[in-house]
Amino acid sequence: MKRVLLIDSHPLMLESLRRVALSVWPKVHTLKVGDLSALDGGCRFGATIDLVIMDPCLAGAAGLSALVAVQQRLPHAPVVVFASRDDDQIVSHSNALGAAAYLHKSVGMAELADCLTKVAAGARLFPKLNGSNLAHHELTAMRKRLEGLTSTQLKVLLNIADGRLNKQVAADFNVSEAAIKAHMTAIFRKLGVHNRTQAMLALQPLLATGFSIAA
């Protein structure tokens, strides 16, 4: 039995995605996530999740940070990005960050079903770019460095990227400010940077993909 994680902020879209998954795999088990705060619960089955279909534009997420968060929790599950934007930047960045496919939400359900079948078989599917030559080797390298972060370190980093102070993050995590500083030191080392400013500059291509959702 296939297990598919569905991530979208709109309940009607989640139900549509469930029906498409059922049309491909009649006995599929689907898990629905509507916002970033529910992500941990949706990922609780870990390695048994076979596929993820997601819109990265979620409350609490900036740019493609939600995609990175999903990949960090489910490194072996292919991710189909199913979003309302369709431009070179987000397509290229989704590709560089290791998504398995990118589809615009204007596609028909039959095309989405065909994409799921092919991705489940190991294919990677991305639309042709609109003529611009987007070099994304730096983003690919950043993705590899992000893979070295623990789940907690990634959450701390994304909170800091959202402009929160160490003491605010410490309060959210119910730990001391010193513990957050220790996490930041480890994060800087893994990202190959020396301070918060350099870390934010390194993350800029990931976070600045044309949309930013307030927490």
Protein backbone atom coordinates (compact mmCIF):
# COMPACT_ATOMS: atom_id res chain seq x y z
CA MET A 1 0.00 0.00 0.00
CA LYS A 2 1.36 3.40 -0.96
CA ARG A 3 1.48 6.19 1.61
CA VAL A 4 1.34 9.74 0.21
CA LEU A 5 1.78 12.96 2.19
CA LEU A 6 -0.30 15.90 0.90
CA ILE A 7 0.69 19.44 1.92
CA ASP A 8 -1.45 22.46 0.99
CA SER A 9 -3.05 25.32 2.88
CA HIS A 10 -6.44 24.91 1.15
CA PRO A 11 -8.73 22.04 2.34
CA LEU A 12 -10.42 21.74 -1.07
CA MET A 13 -7.04 21.34 -2.77
CA LEU A 14 -6.05 18.68 -0.25
CA GLU A 15 -9.22 16.77 -1.08
CA SER A 16 -8.56 17.12 -4.82
CA LEU A 17 -5.02 15.81 -4.35
CA ARG A 18 -6.38 12.88 -2.34
CA ARG A 19 -8.76 11.97 -5.17
CA VAL A 20 -5.96 12.13 -7.73
CA ALA A 21 -3.77 9.89 -5.59
CA LEU A 22 -6.68 7.43 -5.27
CA SER A 23 -7.11 7.43 -9.05
CA VAL A 24 -3.48 6.33 -9.39
CA TRP A 25 -3.34 3.95 -6.43
CA PRO A 26 -6.85 2.82 -5.34
CA LYS A 27 -5.59 1.56 -1.97
CA VAL A 28 -3.36 4.55 -1.22
CA HIS A 29 -3.21 5.90 2.32
CA THR A 30 -3.02 9.71 2.35
CA LEU A 31 -1.90 12.06 5.11
CA LYS A 32 -2.95 15.72 4.97
CA VAL A 33 -1.00 18.72 6.26
CA GLY A 34 -2.41 22.24 6.03
CA ASP A 35 0.37 24.33 7.55
CA LEU A 36 3.99 24.22 8.61
CA SER A 37 3.15 23.67 12.28
CA ALA A 38 1.56 20.30 11.42
CA LEU A 39 4.53 19.12 9.39
CA ASP A 40 6.11 16.99 12.11
CA GLY A 41 2.84 15.11 12.58
CA GLY A 42 2.48 14.53 8.86
CA CYS A 43 6.03 13.20 8.63
CA ARG A 44 5.67 10.84 11.58
CA PHE A 45 5.65 7.74 9.35
CA GLY A 46 9.12 8.60 8.09
CA ALA A 47 10.57 6.05 5.70
CA THR A 48 7.14 4.52 5.02
CA ILE A 49 6.00 7.67 3.16
CA ASP A 50 6.43 6.91 -0.53
CA LEU A 51 5.67 10.31 -2.09
CA VAL A 52 5.01 13.94 -1.13
CA ILE A 53 2.83 16.39 -3.07
CA MET A 54 3.20 19.90 -1.73
CA ASP A 55 2.60 23.58 -2.25
CA PRO A 56 5.57 25.24 -0.48
CA CYS A 57 3.60 28.47 0.05
CA LEU A 58 2.56 27.80 3.64
CA ALA A 59 2.00 30.02 6.66
CA GLY A 60 5.27 30.19 8.59
CA ALA A 61 7.40 29.46 5.52
CA ALA A 62 9.45 31.82 3.38
CA GLY A 63 10.48 31.00 -0.15
CA LEU A 64 11.15 27.29 -0.49
CA SER A 65 12.02 26.73 3.18
CA ALA A 66 9.02 24.39 3.54
CA LEU A 67 10.44 22.18 0.77
CA VAL A 68 13.76 22.04 2.61
CA ALA A 69 11.97 21.19 5.86
CA VAL A 70 10.11 18.30 4.22
CA GLN A 71 13.25 16.95 2.60
CA GLN A 72 15.12 17.14 5.89
CA ARG A 73 12.45 15.02 7.58
CA LEU A 74 11.78 12.67 4.64
CA PRO A 75 15.09 12.39 2.75
CA HIS A 76 14.03 9.31 0.78
CA ALA A 77 10.58 10.44 -0.37
CA PRO A 78 10.34 12.10 -3.81
CA VAL A 79 8.62 15.50 -3.63
CA VAL A 80 6.29 16.88 -6.29
CA VAL A 81 6.06 20.66 -5.99
CA PHE A 82 2.51 21.66 -6.98
CA ALA A 83 2.35 25.44 -6.82
CA SER A 84 0.50 28.45 -8.18
CA ARG A 85 3.63 30.18 -9.49
CA ASP A 86 5.18 29.24 -12.80
CA ASP A 87 8.40 31.12 -13.50
CA ASP A 88 12.01 30.22 -14.14
CA GLN A 89 13.19 31.09 -10.65
CA ILE A 90 10.94 28.84 -8.60
CA VAL A 91 11.18 25.99 -11.12
CA SER A 92 14.97 26.19 -11.20
CA HIS A 93 15.26 26.47 -7.43
CA SER A 94 12.90 23.54 -6.84
CA ASN A 95 15.05 21.49 -9.20
CA ALA A 96 18.31 22.56 -7.56
CA LEU A 97 16.95 21.76 -4.11
CA GLY A 98 16.21 18.20 -5.19
CA ALA A 99 12.47 18.09 -5.79
CA ALA A 100 11.40 15.26 -8.09
CA ALA A 101 8.97 17.34 -10.17
CA TYR A 102 7.33 20.73 -10.55
CA LEU A 103 3.76 21.28 -11.74
CA HIS A 104 1.69 24.43 -11.93
CA LYS A 105 -1.75 24.22 -10.34
CA SER A 106 -3.39 25.03 -13.65
CA VAL A 107 -2.64 21.53 -15.00
CA GLY A 108 -5.46 19.03 -15.31
CA MET A 109 -5.90 16.20 -12.86
CA ALA A 110 -5.00 13.66 -15.55
CA GLU A 111 -1.63 15.36 -16.07
CA LEU A 112 -1.01 15.39 -12.32
CA ALA A 113 -1.90 11.69 -12.11
CA ASP A 114 0.51 10.94 -14.95
CA CYS A 115 3.24 12.91 -13.15
CA LEU A 116 2.70 10.95 -9.93
CA THR A 117 2.97 7.64 -11.77
CA LYS A 118 6.22 8.66 -13.44
CA VAL A 119 7.77 10.14 -10.29
CA ALA A 120 6.91 7.01 -8.33
CA ALA A 121 8.83 5.08 -10.99
CA GLY A 122 11.89 7.29 -10.50
CA ALA A 123 11.41 10.07 -13.08
CA ARG A 124 12.25 13.74 -12.53
CA LEU A 125 9.90 16.12 -14.35
CA PHE A 126 10.34 19.88 -14.75
CA PRO A 127 8.87 22.30 -17.29
CA LYS A 128 11.19 23.90 -19.81
CA LEU A 129 12.51 27.23 -18.60
CA ASN A 130 11.39 30.34 -20.43
CA GLY A 131 14.72 31.07 -22.04
CA SER A 132 16.75 32.34 -19.08
CA ASN A 133 19.90 30.47 -18.13
CA LEU A 134 19.64 30.14 -14.37
CA ALA A 135 22.85 28.88 -12.82
CA HIS A 136 21.91 27.07 -9.65
CA HIS A 137 25.14 25.32 -8.63
CA GLU A 138 25.41 27.53 -5.53
CA LEU A 139 21.90 26.59 -4.43
CA THR A 140 22.66 22.92 -5.02
CA ALA A 141 25.77 23.25 -2.86
CA MET A 142 23.73 24.96 -0.13
CA ARG A 143 21.21 22.11 -0.25
CA LYS A 144 24.01 19.62 0.43
CA ARG A 145 25.17 21.66 3.42
CA LEU A 146 21.62 21.93 4.75
CA GLU A 147 21.35 18.14 4.61
CA GLY A 148 23.99 18.04 7.34
CA LEU A 149 21.80 19.93 9.81
CA THR A 150 19.76 18.11 12.41
CA SER A 151 16.01 18.70 12.49
CA THR A 152 16.40 21.01 15.48
CA GLN A 153 19.23 22.95 13.86
CA LEU A 154 17.16 23.48 10.71
CA LYS A 155 14.22 24.77 12.76
CA VAL A 156 16.51 27.14 14.65
CA LEU A 157 18.05 28.39 11.41
CA LEU A 158 14.69 29.05 9.75
CA ASN A 159 13.47 30.88 12.85
CA ILE A 160 16.56 33.07 12.82
CA ALA A 161 16.07 33.67 9.09
CA ASP A 162 12.55 34.88 9.91
CA GLY A 163 14.15 37.70 11.93
CA ARG A 164 13.65 36.26 15.40
CA LEU A 165 16.18 36.94 18.15
CA ASN A 166 18.02 34.17 19.98
CA LYS A 167 16.01 34.82 23.15
CA GLN A 168 12.73 34.59 21.22
CA VAL A 169 13.73 31.28 19.63
CA ALA A 170 14.89 30.02 23.02
CA ALA A 171 11.47 30.82 24.49
CA ASP A 172 9.72 28.99 21.64
CA PHE A 173 11.92 25.93 22.12
CA ASN A 174 11.72 26.15 25.91
CA VAL A 175 15.51 26.08 26.22
CA SER A 176 18.15 28.54 27.38
CA GLU A 177 19.52 31.26 25.15
CA ALA A 178 22.92 29.61 25.55
CA ALA A 179 21.53 26.44 23.99
CA ILE A 180 20.39 28.40 20.93
CA LYS A 181 23.82 30.04 20.67
CA ALA A 182 25.39 26.57 20.76
CA HIS A 183 23.07 25.47 17.95
CA MET A 184 24.03 28.53 15.93
CA THR A 185 27.73 27.80 16.36
CA ALA A 186 27.18 24.27 15.02
CA ILE A 187 25.03 25.63 12.16
CA PHE A 188 27.69 28.15 11.13
CA ARG A 189 30.29 25.38 11.03
CA LYS A 190 28.13 23.12 8.86
CA LEU A 191 27.20 25.91 6.47
CA GLY A 192 30.80 27.06 6.15
CA VAL A 193 30.09 30.59 7.45
CA HIS A 194 31.31 32.60 10.44
CA ASN A 195 28.34 34.62 11.60
CA ARG A 196 24.59 35.22 11.32
CA THR A 197 24.94 37.76 8.51
CA GLN A 198 26.91 35.35 6.34
CA ALA A 199 24.41 32.59 7.05
CA MET A 200 21.50 34.80 5.96
CA LEU A 201 23.35 35.81 2.78
CA ALA A 202 24.00 32.14 1.99
CA LEU A 203 20.31 31.34 2.49
CA GLN A 204 19.03 34.29 0.45
CA PRO A 205 18.50 32.36 -2.83
CA LEU A 206 16.45 29.79 -0.91
CA LEU A 207 14.28 32.28 0.97
CA ALA A 208 13.85 34.96 -1.70
CA THR A 209 11.92 33.10 -4.40
CA GLY A 210 9.37 35.82 -4.83
CA PHE A 211 7.01 35.18 -1.97
CA SER A 212 7.19 35.43 1.79
CA ILE A 213 4.50 34.23 4.15
CA ALA A 214 4.30 35.72 7.62
CA ALA A 215 4.10 33.31 10.53
